[in-house]
Amino acid sequence: MSNMSYCRFENTLSDLEDCEGNFDSTESIDEAQAAIDLYRLCVTISRTYSLSDLEARLAELQAEDEDEDEDQE
């Protein structure tokens, strides 16, 4: 089942943290292949997106949220 767009990263982070601790303990061919595929995807993500850009987006969202809070006061 896919995650809802508003919480996909929160839900996936928890699952990835579980996977991180278990890369060396896969118990089936399918799981071992999925671990390889997941690793490759993580490499692609880290090469495609810069941490500074992601942090800048977070700062933008936080500023928007603060502006909304001030408007409601």
N, C-alpha and C. Protein backbone atom coordinates (compact mmCIF):
# COMPACT_ATOMS: atom_id res chain seq x y z
N MET A 1 0.85 -1.18 0.00
CA MET A 1 0.00 0.00 0.00
C MET A 1 0.89 1.24 0.00
N SER A 2 0.57 2.21 -0.80
CA SER A 2 1.38 3.42 -0.89
C SER A 2 1.02 4.38 0.23
N ASN A 3 1.94 5.29 0.51
CA ASN A 3 1.74 6.29 1.55
C ASN A 3 0.97 7.48 0.99
N MET A 4 0.25 8.15 1.86
CA MET A 4 -0.42 9.38 1.48
C MET A 4 0.66 10.43 1.28
N SER A 5 0.46 11.31 0.31
CA SER A 5 1.50 12.27 -0.06
C SER A 5 1.91 13.17 1.10
N TYR A 6 1.01 13.47 2.02
CA TYR A 6 1.34 14.39 3.11
C TYR A 6 2.19 13.73 4.19
N CYS A 7 2.37 12.42 4.16
CA CYS A 7 3.19 11.77 5.19
C CYS A 7 4.10 10.68 4.62
N ARG A 8 4.32 10.69 3.30
CA ARG A 8 5.12 9.63 2.70
C ARG A 8 6.54 9.58 3.24
N PHE A 9 7.16 10.73 3.46
CA PHE A 9 8.54 10.74 3.94
C PHE A 9 8.62 10.32 5.40
N GLU A 10 7.65 10.75 6.21
CA GLU A 10 7.64 10.35 7.62
C GLU A 10 7.50 8.84 7.74
N ASN A 11 6.58 8.26 7.00
CA ASN A 11 6.35 6.82 7.07
C ASN A 11 7.54 6.04 6.51
N THR A 12 8.08 6.52 5.42
CA THR A 12 9.18 5.81 4.76
C THR A 12 10.45 5.88 5.59
N LEU A 13 10.69 7.00 6.28
CA LEU A 13 11.88 7.13 7.11
C LEU A 13 11.94 6.02 8.16
N SER A 14 10.84 5.76 8.80
CA SER A 14 10.80 4.70 9.81
C SER A 14 11.15 3.35 9.19
N ASP A 15 10.59 3.06 8.03
CA ASP A 15 10.89 1.80 7.35
C ASP A 15 12.35 1.72 6.91
N LEU A 16 12.89 2.83 6.43
CA LEU A 16 14.30 2.84 6.01
C LEU A 16 15.25 2.63 7.19
N GLU A 17 14.89 3.21 8.32
CA GLU A 17 15.72 3.01 9.51
C GLU A 17 15.75 1.54 9.90
N ASP A 18 14.62 0.86 9.77
CA ASP A 18 14.57 -0.57 10.04
C ASP A 18 15.43 -1.34 9.03
N CYS A 19 15.34 -0.97 7.77
CA CYS A 19 16.13 -1.63 6.73
C CYS A 19 17.62 -1.42 6.95
N GLU A 20 18.00 -0.21 7.35
CA GLU A 20 19.42 0.10 7.54
C GLU A 20 20.08 -0.89 8.49
N GLY A 21 19.40 -1.25 9.52
CA GLY A 21 19.97 -2.16 10.50
C GLY A 21 19.92 -3.62 10.11
N ASN A 22 19.36 -3.90 8.94
CA ASN A 22 19.17 -5.30 8.56
C ASN A 22 19.67 -5.66 7.16
N PHE A 23 20.50 -4.81 6.57
CA PHE A 23 21.00 -5.10 5.23
C PHE A 23 21.76 -6.43 5.18
N ASP A 24 22.45 -6.74 6.24
CA ASP A 24 23.28 -7.96 6.23
C ASP A 24 22.55 -9.19 6.77
N SER A 25 21.25 -9.08 6.98
CA SER A 25 20.53 -10.22 7.53
C SER A 25 19.32 -10.63 6.69
N THR A 26 19.38 -10.36 5.38
CA THR A 26 18.29 -10.81 4.51
C THR A 26 18.24 -12.33 4.50
N GLU A 27 17.04 -12.87 4.42
CA GLU A 27 16.86 -14.31 4.55
C GLU A 27 16.29 -14.98 3.30
N SER A 28 16.13 -14.21 2.23
CA SER A 28 15.62 -14.82 1.00
C SER A 28 16.24 -14.11 -0.20
N ILE A 29 16.18 -14.76 -1.34
CA ILE A 29 16.70 -14.18 -2.57
C ILE A 29 15.94 -12.89 -2.89
N ASP A 30 14.63 -12.91 -2.75
CA ASP A 30 13.82 -11.71 -3.06
C ASP A 30 14.19 -10.54 -2.15
N GLU A 31 14.40 -10.82 -0.85
CA GLU A 31 14.77 -9.76 0.07
C GLU A 31 16.17 -9.25 -0.21
N ALA A 32 17.09 -10.14 -0.55
CA ALA A 32 18.45 -9.73 -0.88
C ALA A 32 18.45 -8.85 -2.13
N GLN A 33 17.64 -9.22 -3.13
CA GLN A 33 17.54 -8.41 -4.34
C GLN A 33 16.91 -7.06 -4.03
N ALA A 34 15.88 -7.06 -3.19
CA ALA A 34 15.24 -5.80 -2.81
C ALA A 34 16.21 -4.91 -2.05
N ALA A 35 17.07 -5.50 -1.22
CA ALA A 35 18.08 -4.71 -0.49
C ALA A 35 19.04 -4.04 -1.47
N ILE A 36 19.44 -4.76 -2.49
CA ILE A 36 20.32 -4.19 -3.53
C ILE A 36 19.61 -3.06 -4.26
N ASP A 37 18.36 -3.30 -4.64
CA ASP A 37 17.58 -2.27 -5.34
C ASP A 37 17.40 -1.03 -4.47
N LEU A 38 17.14 -1.25 -3.18
CA LEU A 38 16.97 -0.13 -2.25
C LEU A 38 18.27 0.66 -2.12
N TYR A 39 19.36 -0.05 -1.99
CA TYR A 39 20.66 0.60 -1.91
C TYR A 39 20.91 1.46 -3.15
N ARG A 40 20.67 0.89 -4.31
CA ARG A 40 20.87 1.64 -5.57
C ARG A 40 19.98 2.88 -5.63
N LEU A 41 18.74 2.74 -5.18
CA LEU A 41 17.83 3.89 -5.17
C LEU A 41 18.33 4.97 -4.23
N CYS A 42 18.81 4.58 -3.07
CA CYS A 42 19.36 5.57 -2.12
C CYS A 42 20.56 6.30 -2.70
N VAL A 43 21.40 5.58 -3.41
CA VAL A 43 22.54 6.22 -4.07
C VAL A 43 22.06 7.22 -5.11
N THR A 44 21.08 6.82 -5.90
CA THR A 44 20.52 7.72 -6.91
C THR A 44 19.93 8.97 -6.27
N ILE A 45 19.19 8.79 -5.18
CA ILE A 45 18.59 9.93 -4.49
C ILE A 45 19.69 10.86 -3.97
N SER A 46 20.74 10.29 -3.36
CA SER A 46 21.78 11.15 -2.79
C SER A 46 22.58 11.87 -3.87
N ARG A 47 22.63 11.30 -5.06
CA ARG A 47 23.33 11.97 -6.17
C ARG A 47 22.46 13.00 -6.87
N THR A 48 21.15 12.83 -6.79
CA THR A 48 20.21 13.68 -7.50
C THR A 48 19.84 14.94 -6.72
N TYR A 49 19.71 14.80 -5.42
CA TYR A 49 19.24 15.90 -4.58
C TYR A 49 20.35 16.32 -3.63
N SER A 50 20.54 17.63 -3.49
CA SER A 50 21.55 18.11 -2.55
C SER A 50 20.89 18.35 -1.19
N LEU A 51 21.64 18.07 -0.15
CA LEU A 51 21.13 18.30 1.20
C LEU A 51 20.83 19.78 1.42
N SER A 52 21.65 20.64 0.88
CA SER A 52 21.42 22.08 1.07
C SER A 52 20.10 22.51 0.41
N ASP A 53 19.76 21.95 -0.74
CA ASP A 53 18.47 22.28 -1.38
C ASP A 53 17.30 21.78 -0.53
N LEU A 54 17.44 20.59 0.01
CA LEU A 54 16.37 20.05 0.85
C LEU A 54 16.21 20.87 2.13
N GLU A 55 17.33 21.27 2.71
CA GLU A 55 17.27 22.10 3.91
C GLU A 55 16.70 23.48 3.61
N ALA A 56 16.99 24.02 2.43
CA ALA A 56 16.42 25.30 2.02
C ALA A 56 14.90 25.18 1.89
N ARG A 57 14.43 24.07 1.34
CA ARG A 57 12.99 23.86 1.22
C ARG A 57 12.34 23.79 2.59
N LEU A 58 12.99 23.11 3.53
CA LEU A 58 12.48 23.03 4.90
C LEU A 58 12.39 24.43 5.50
N ALA A 59 13.41 25.24 5.31
CA ALA A 59 13.40 26.61 5.84
C ALA A 59 12.27 27.43 5.23
N GLU A 60 12.01 27.26 3.95
CA GLU A 60 10.89 27.96 3.29
C GLU A 60 9.57 27.57 3.92
N LEU A 61 9.37 26.29 4.13
CA LEU A 61 8.12 25.80 4.71
C LEU A 61 7.95 26.30 6.14
N GLN A 62 9.04 26.31 6.90
CA GLN A 62 8.98 26.81 8.27
C GLN A 62 8.64 28.29 8.30
N ALA A 63 9.20 29.07 7.38
CA ALA A 63 8.90 30.49 7.30
C ALA A 63 7.44 30.72 6.93
N GLU A 64 6.93 29.93 5.99
CA GLU A 64 5.51 30.04 5.62
C GLU A 64 4.62 29.72 6.80
N ASP A 65 4.99 28.70 7.55
CA ASP A 65 4.21 28.29 8.72
C ASP A 65 4.21 29.39 9.78
N GLU A 66 5.37 30.01 9.99
CA GLU A 66 5.45 31.11 10.96
C GLU A 66 4.60 32.30 10.51
N ASP A 67 4.62 32.59 9.20
CA ASP A 67 3.80 33.69 8.67
C ASP A 67 2.32 33.42 8.89
N GLU A 68 1.91 32.18 8.68
CA GLU A 68 0.52 31.81 8.88
C GLU A 68 0.13 31.95 10.36
N ASP A 69 1.03 31.54 11.25
CA ASP A 69 0.77 31.66 12.68
C ASP A 69 0.62 33.12 13.08
N GLU A 70 1.46 34.00 12.55
CA GLU A 70 1.38 35.44 12.86
C GLU A 70 0.10 36.04 12.32
N ASP A 71 -0.35 35.58 11.15
CA ASP A 71 -1.59 36.10 10.56
C ASP A 71 -2.80 35.71 11.40
N GLN A 72 -2.73 34.59 12.08
CA GLN A 72 -3.86 34.12 12.88
C GLN A 72 -3.94 34.80 14.23
N GLU A 73 -2.88 35.49 14.63
CA GLU A 73 -2.89 36.16 15.95
C GLU A 73 -3.59 37.46 15.94
